Amino acid sequence: MPPHPRPRLRPHLHPHPRLRHTLSAALLTLACLLTPCGAVAAWAAHALSDTGRYVDAMAPLATDPRVRDAVAATVRDSVFTQLNPGPTPRTTRVFVHDAARSFTRTKAFRAGWDTANRTVHAALVRALREPRPAGAGRPVTVDLAPVTARVKHQLAHDHVPFAHRIPVRHTAVTVLGAAEADRLRKGYHALDVAAFWLPLAAVAAAVTGIAVAARRRHAVTAAGLGTALGGALLGLAVAVGRRLTLAELPGAVHGPAAGAVYDALTATLRTAAWLLVALGLTVALASWLTGHLLNRRNHHRNHDRSHIVSPPGTQGELSDPSPRL
């Protein structure tokens, strides 16, 4: 009986490889673009909004010389602005600056630094997380009493004379105006939504792009390289953002201190960029090595079969029934 012919699959069940390749490339490109954007959104919505992490990131800056110089200069200018708006002798300004800078070396300053950062950050996060109708049109204010009480306690603990006589008064200070608070509140809510959906969209696009690819191993390699490229672009964006942020600051005194603050806040983002680069390169290398080893294995297997099975019409080495002398 003649052999039954193989049933042919319908063309519509298997799309054209070029169409699958185009769709896979588009999805993988989208995933690689969404990955750094999702990292930035997650960092801004979760890392920056965590008061404990923020205080831990800012705590080492209390011993940074750039920050101490900026604090001393701010205290000096504030003192002379409040006491004597006119010109003052240079020796007096130097004395006040040195006294303020000497205070920044004490434990009391470090305690006040941590308490001030905690108080201001908690007030900002609380204001940003308020619903829009409830918090609209209201500035963000903080009470300096906890900061003064913490500094007073540390000075008394260090046996500083008359430290127990420092008055602790409830003084409200505006840290963010009403218009700026409303604008930041809208941006925070948008980041909160983006921090949840952008990573999910990136993963979904990558998985779908690999699934529809005609050559899935090549798609995995491309996804890994694209992830590494996205991490590199994220690191570049952090560096460019630092340069632009410092360029917009008025004056050169607070520039180094602002750079130290920027570096402390974006440390997690820079780590995420390096992790994306390492993860992407690892996946791409593993995929390429797996394909290379499988190709070599198949090549050796086909080579061995060509030596064992003789071609038709010839007498192979193993098919010779006559014994050899």
Protein backbone atom coordinates (compact mmCIF):
# COMPACT_ATOMS: atom_id res chain seq x y z
CA MET A 1 0.00 0.00 0.00
CA PRO A 2 1.27 3.44 -0.78
CA PRO A 3 2.17 5.42 2.33
CA HIS A 4 -0.36 7.88 3.55
CA PRO A 5 0.64 11.46 2.84
CA ARG A 6 1.27 13.69 5.82
CA PRO A 7 -1.59 16.06 6.59
CA ARG A 8 -0.63 19.62 5.87
CA LEU A 9 -1.23 22.21 8.52
CA ARG A 10 -3.39 25.11 7.67
CA PRO A 11 -1.49 28.28 6.90
CA HIS A 12 -3.49 30.39 9.33
CA LEU A 13 -2.39 28.27 12.29
CA HIS A 14 1.25 29.26 11.80
CA PRO A 15 1.79 32.96 11.02
CA HIS A 16 4.53 33.99 8.69
CA PRO A 17 7.94 33.99 10.43
CA ARG A 18 8.56 37.57 9.36
CA LEU A 19 5.37 38.71 11.07
CA ARG A 20 6.28 36.84 14.23
CA HIS A 21 9.77 38.32 14.16
CA THR A 22 8.41 41.86 13.76
CA LEU A 23 5.87 41.43 16.56
CA SER A 24 8.49 39.91 18.87
CA ALA A 25 10.97 42.71 18.16
CA ALA A 26 8.33 45.36 18.88
CA LEU A 27 7.31 43.76 22.19
CA LEU A 28 10.90 43.27 23.33
CA THR A 29 11.74 46.87 22.47
CA LEU A 30 8.73 48.04 24.46
CA ALA A 31 9.80 45.88 27.42
CA CYS A 32 13.33 47.28 27.34
CA LEU A 33 12.00 50.85 27.32
CA LEU A 34 9.54 50.21 30.14
CA THR A 35 12.14 48.55 32.39
CA PRO A 36 14.16 51.69 33.33
CA CYS A 37 10.99 53.78 33.48
CA GLY A 38 9.47 51.28 35.90
CA ALA A 39 12.63 51.33 38.00
CA VAL A 40 12.52 55.13 38.28
CA ALA A 41 8.81 55.11 39.15
CA ALA A 42 9.27 52.41 41.80
CA TRP A 43 12.24 54.27 43.28
CA ALA A 44 10.37 57.55 43.45
CA ALA A 45 7.14 56.05 44.81
CA HIS A 46 8.59 53.61 47.33
CA ALA A 47 12.24 54.31 48.15
CA LEU A 48 11.90 58.10 48.41
CA SER A 49 8.61 57.93 50.29
CA ASP A 50 9.97 55.65 53.02
CA THR A 51 10.94 57.89 55.93
CA GLY A 52 13.21 55.30 57.53
CA ARG A 53 15.17 54.73 54.34
CA TYR A 54 15.39 58.45 53.71
CA VAL A 55 16.80 59.14 57.17
CA ASP A 56 19.27 56.27 56.83
CA ALA A 57 20.44 57.64 53.49
CA MET A 58 20.82 61.19 54.82
CA ALA A 59 22.42 60.31 58.17
CA PRO A 60 26.01 59.93 56.84
CA LEU A 61 25.82 63.41 55.34
CA ALA A 62 25.96 64.93 58.82
CA THR A 63 29.70 64.20 58.81
CA ASP A 64 30.27 65.21 55.19
CA PRO A 65 32.50 68.32 55.03
CA ARG A 66 30.53 69.73 52.10
CA VAL A 67 27.26 69.55 54.01
CA ARG A 68 28.82 70.97 57.16
CA ASP A 69 30.22 73.93 55.23
CA ALA A 70 26.82 74.60 53.69
CA VAL A 71 25.09 74.42 57.09
CA ALA A 72 27.67 76.74 58.65
CA ALA A 73 27.30 79.26 55.82
CA THR A 74 23.50 79.15 56.11
CA VAL A 75 23.62 79.69 59.87
CA ARG A 76 26.10 82.56 59.48
CA ASP A 77 23.97 84.33 56.87
CA SER A 78 20.79 83.80 58.90
CA VAL A 79 22.36 85.22 62.05
CA PHE A 80 23.56 88.40 60.39
CA THR A 81 20.31 88.80 58.47
CA GLN A 82 18.31 88.68 61.70
CA LEU A 83 20.65 90.76 63.87
CA ASN A 84 22.22 93.27 61.52
CA PRO A 85 20.99 93.59 57.93
CA GLY A 86 23.82 95.99 57.08
CA PRO A 87 27.46 95.25 56.40
CA THR A 88 29.44 93.53 59.17
CA PRO A 89 33.18 93.18 59.79
CA ARG A 90 34.83 90.25 58.13
CA THR A 91 36.34 89.05 61.40
CA THR A 92 32.89 88.81 62.97
CA ARG A 93 31.52 86.81 60.07
CA VAL A 94 34.51 84.46 60.20
CA PHE A 95 34.03 83.98 63.94
CA VAL A 96 30.34 83.10 63.55
CA HIS A 97 31.10 80.78 60.64
CA ASP A 98 33.79 78.96 62.61
CA ALA A 99 31.52 78.64 65.63
CA ALA A 100 28.72 77.20 63.49
CA ARG A 101 31.09 74.81 61.76
CA SER A 102 32.47 73.70 65.11
CA PHE A 103 28.92 72.88 66.21
CA THR A 104 28.47 70.64 63.15
CA ARG A 105 31.17 68.33 64.58
CA THR A 106 29.15 67.55 67.71
CA LYS A 107 26.75 64.73 68.47
CA ALA A 108 24.04 67.30 69.07
CA PHE A 109 24.24 68.42 65.45
CA ARG A 110 24.02 64.84 64.18
CA ALA A 111 21.04 64.18 66.43
CA GLY A 112 19.33 67.36 65.25
CA TRP A 113 20.17 66.51 61.63
CA ASP A 114 18.46 63.13 61.86
CA THR A 115 15.45 64.52 63.71
CA ALA A 116 15.04 67.40 61.27
CA ASN A 117 15.20 65.08 58.26
CA ARG A 118 12.72 62.69 59.84
CA THR A 119 10.30 65.49 60.77
CA VAL A 120 10.41 67.24 57.38
CA HIS A 121 10.19 64.01 55.37
CA ALA A 122 7.28 62.66 57.40
CA ALA A 123 5.38 65.93 56.93
CA LEU A 124 6.02 65.92 53.17
CA VAL A 125 4.97 62.29 52.71
CA ARG A 126 1.87 62.80 54.82
CA ALA A 127 0.89 65.83 52.73
CA LEU A 128 1.56 64.09 49.42
CA ARG A 129 -0.49 61.04 50.36
CA GLU A 130 -3.53 63.07 51.34
CA PRO A 131 -6.50 62.94 48.96
CA ARG A 132 -6.61 65.88 46.60
CA PRO A 133 -9.75 67.58 47.97
CA ALA A 134 -8.54 67.23 51.58
CA GLY A 135 -5.02 68.56 51.03
CA ALA A 136 -5.61 71.00 48.20
CA GLY A 137 -4.64 74.59 48.80
CA ARG A 138 -2.69 73.97 52.00
CA PRO A 139 1.06 74.47 52.46
CA VAL A 140 3.27 71.87 54.11
CA THR A 141 4.50 73.01 57.52
CA VAL A 142 6.63 71.36 60.20
CA ASP A 143 6.97 72.00 63.91
CA LEU A 144 10.55 72.62 65.05
CA ALA A 145 9.84 71.67 68.66
CA PRO A 146 10.93 68.01 68.23
CA VAL A 147 14.21 69.13 66.63
CA THR A 148 14.92 71.63 69.41
CA ALA A 149 14.06 69.08 72.09
CA ARG A 150 16.38 66.49 70.55
CA VAL A 151 19.30 68.94 70.35
CA LYS A 152 18.64 70.11 73.91
CA HIS A 153 18.62 66.53 75.18
CA GLN A 154 21.92 65.74 73.46
CA LEU A 155 23.58 68.92 74.73
CA ALA A 156 22.44 68.19 78.28
CA HIS A 157 23.72 64.63 77.92
CA ASP A 158 27.12 66.03 76.88
CA HIS A 159 27.10 68.27 80.01
CA VAL A 160 27.05 71.53 78.07
CA PRO A 161 26.50 74.43 80.49
CA PHE A 162 23.00 75.96 80.53
CA ALA A 163 21.75 73.40 77.98
CA HIS A 164 18.74 72.66 80.17
CA ARG A 165 17.67 76.31 79.84
CA ILE A 166 17.20 76.15 76.08
CA PRO A 167 13.52 76.89 75.44
CA VAL A 168 11.50 74.40 73.40
CA ARG A 169 8.83 76.32 71.53
CA HIS A 170 6.37 75.12 68.95
CA THR A 171 7.35 77.00 65.82
CA ALA A 172 5.68 76.20 62.51
CA VAL A 173 7.92 76.56 59.46
CA THR A 174 6.62 76.30 55.90
CA VAL A 175 8.72 73.89 53.85
CA LEU A 176 6.48 73.77 50.77
CA GLY A 177 3.97 76.29 49.46
CA ALA A 178 0.38 75.42 48.64
CA ALA A 179 0.83 75.59 44.85
CA GLU A 180 3.98 73.44 44.91
CA ALA A 181 2.32 70.95 47.26
CA ASP A 182 -0.69 70.54 44.95
CA ARG A 183 1.55 70.02 41.93
CA LEU A 184 3.73 67.49 43.72
CA ARG A 185 0.67 65.68 45.07
CA LYS A 186 -0.63 65.08 41.55
CA GLY A 187 2.76 63.86 40.41
CA TYR A 188 3.07 61.56 43.42
CA HIS A 189 -0.27 59.90 42.74
CA ALA A 190 0.73 59.39 39.09
CA LEU A 191 4.05 57.84 40.17
CA ASP A 192 2.26 55.58 42.62
CA VAL A 193 0.15 54.16 39.80
CA ALA A 194 3.09 53.94 37.40
CA ALA A 195 5.24 52.14 39.98
CA PHE A 196 2.72 49.29 40.00
CA TRP A 197 1.82 49.01 36.33
CA LEU A 198 5.07 49.79 34.50
CA PRO A 199 7.04 46.79 35.87
CA LEU A 200 4.11 44.48 35.18
CA ALA A 201 3.78 45.83 31.65
CA ALA A 202 7.53 45.34 31.06
CA VAL A 203 7.42 41.72 32.22
CA ALA A 204 4.28 40.99 30.19
CA ALA A 205 5.77 42.51 27.04
CA ALA A 206 9.01 40.56 27.46
CA VAL A 207 7.27 37.22 28.06
CA THR A 208 4.88 37.75 25.15
CA GLY A 209 7.71 38.82 22.86
CA ILE A 210 9.66 35.67 23.65
CA ALA A 211 6.58 33.45 23.30
CA VAL A 212 5.63 34.69 19.81
CA ALA A 213 9.21 34.72 18.49
CA ALA A 214 10.10 32.33 15.68
CA ARG A 215 13.47 31.72 17.36
CA ARG A 216 12.90 31.95 21.07
CA ARG A 217 16.51 31.54 22.11
CA HIS A 218 17.47 34.50 19.96
CA ALA A 219 14.60 36.43 21.52
CA VAL A 220 15.85 35.64 25.03
CA THR A 221 19.31 36.85 24.04
CA ALA A 222 17.85 40.05 22.61
CA ALA A 223 15.76 40.60 25.75
CA GLY A 224 18.85 40.22 27.93
CA LEU A 225 20.87 42.67 25.84
CA GLY A 226 17.97 45.11 25.82
CA THR A 227 17.66 44.91 29.61
CA ALA A 228 21.37 45.62 29.97
CA LEU A 229 21.03 48.57 27.59
CA GLY A 230 18.09 49.87 29.62
CA GLY A 231 20.16 49.67 32.80
CA ALA A 232 23.00 51.56 31.12
CA LEU A 233 20.56 54.26 29.97
CA LEU A 234 19.20 54.49 33.52
CA GLY A 235 22.69 55.05 34.91
CA LEU A 236 23.35 57.67 32.25
CA ALA A 237 20.07 59.41 33.09
CA VAL A 238 21.05 59.56 36.78
CA ALA A 239 24.41 61.13 35.88
CA VAL A 240 22.83 63.66 33.51
CA GLY A 241 20.17 64.48 36.11
CA ARG A 242 22.87 65.21 38.67
CA ARG A 243 24.61 67.62 36.32
CA LEU A 244 21.37 69.41 35.45
CA THR A 245 20.27 69.62 39.08
CA LEU A 246 23.52 71.16 40.23
CA ALA A 247 23.58 73.56 37.27
CA GLU A 248 20.23 75.05 38.31
CA LEU A 249 21.30 75.83 41.88
CA PRO A 250 21.90 79.52 42.66
CA GLY A 251 25.38 80.06 44.04
CA ALA A 252 28.45 77.89 44.43
CA VAL A 253 28.37 77.41 48.21
CA HIS A 254 25.56 74.85 48.30
CA GLY A 255 26.58 73.07 45.09
CA PRO A 256 28.89 70.47 46.67
CA ALA A 257 26.40 69.83 49.47
CA ALA A 258 23.57 69.39 46.97
CA GLY A 259 25.73 66.96 45.02
CA ALA A 260 26.28 64.90 48.18
CA VAL A 261 22.54 64.88 48.88
CA TYR A 262 21.76 63.89 45.28
CA ASP A 263 24.26 61.03 45.43
CA ALA A 264 22.82 59.78 48.71
CA LEU A 265 19.24 59.82 47.44
CA THR A 266 20.02 58.16 44.09
CA ALA A 267 22.27 55.43 45.50
CA THR A 268 19.42 52.90 45.26
CA LEU A 269 18.69 53.95 41.69
CA ARG A 270 22.33 53.55 40.66
CA THR A 271 22.37 50.10 42.27
CA ALA A 272 19.23 49.18 40.32
CA ALA A 273 20.91 50.31 37.09
CA TRP A 274 23.95 48.10 37.73
CA LEU A 275 21.68 45.17 38.63
CA LEU A 276 19.79 45.56 35.36
CA VAL A 277 23.05 45.61 33.42
CA ALA A 278 24.37 42.52 35.23
CA LEU A 279 21.08 40.63 34.93
CA GLY A 280 20.68 41.42 31.24
CA LEU A 281 24.23 40.43 30.34
CA THR A 282 23.95 37.22 32.38
CA VAL A 283 20.73 36.19 30.64
CA ALA A 284 22.11 37.04 27.21
CA LEU A 285 25.36 35.17 27.84
CA ALA A 286 23.57 32.12 29.26
CA SER A 287 21.20 32.02 26.29
CA TRP A 288 24.05 32.36 23.79
CA LEU A 289 26.16 29.69 25.48
CA THR A 290 23.21 27.29 25.65
CA GLY A 291 22.50 27.72 21.95
CA HIS A 292 26.19 27.38 21.08
CA LEU A 293 26.58 24.16 23.08
CA LEU A 294 23.40 22.67 21.61
CA ASN A 295 24.56 23.48 18.09
CA ARG A 296 27.91 21.81 18.70
CA ARG A 297 26.19 18.81 20.21
CA ASN A 298 23.86 18.44 17.24
CA HIS A 299 26.77 18.90 14.84
CA HIS A 300 28.77 16.10 16.48
CA ARG A 301 25.71 13.83 16.57
CA ASN A 302 25.05 14.33 12.86
CA HIS A 303 28.72 13.80 12.11
CA ASP A 304 28.73 10.49 13.99
CA ARG A 305 25.58 9.33 12.20
CA SER A 306 27.13 10.06 8.80
CA HIS A 307 30.00 7.69 9.64
CA ILE A 308 27.80 4.93 11.01
CA VAL A 309 25.09 4.87 8.30
CA SER A 310 26.47 4.28 4.79
CA PRO A 311 24.99 6.05 1.81
CA PRO A 312 22.83 3.97 -0.53
CA GLY A 313 24.67 2.20 -3.35
CA THR A 314 28.01 2.08 -1.48
CA GLN A 315 29.50 -0.45 0.84
CA GLY A 316 30.05 1.06 4.22
CA GLU A 317 32.75 0.21 6.57
CA LEU A 318 30.41 -1.47 9.01
CA SER A 319 28.30 -3.20 6.40
CA ASP A 320 31.15 -5.30 5.02
CA PRO A 321 30.36 -8.86 6.15
CA SER A 322 33.77 -10.31 5.12
CA PRO A 323 36.20 -10.68 7.94
CA ARG A 324 39.41 -8.73 7.83
CA LEU A 325 42.76 -10.46 8.04
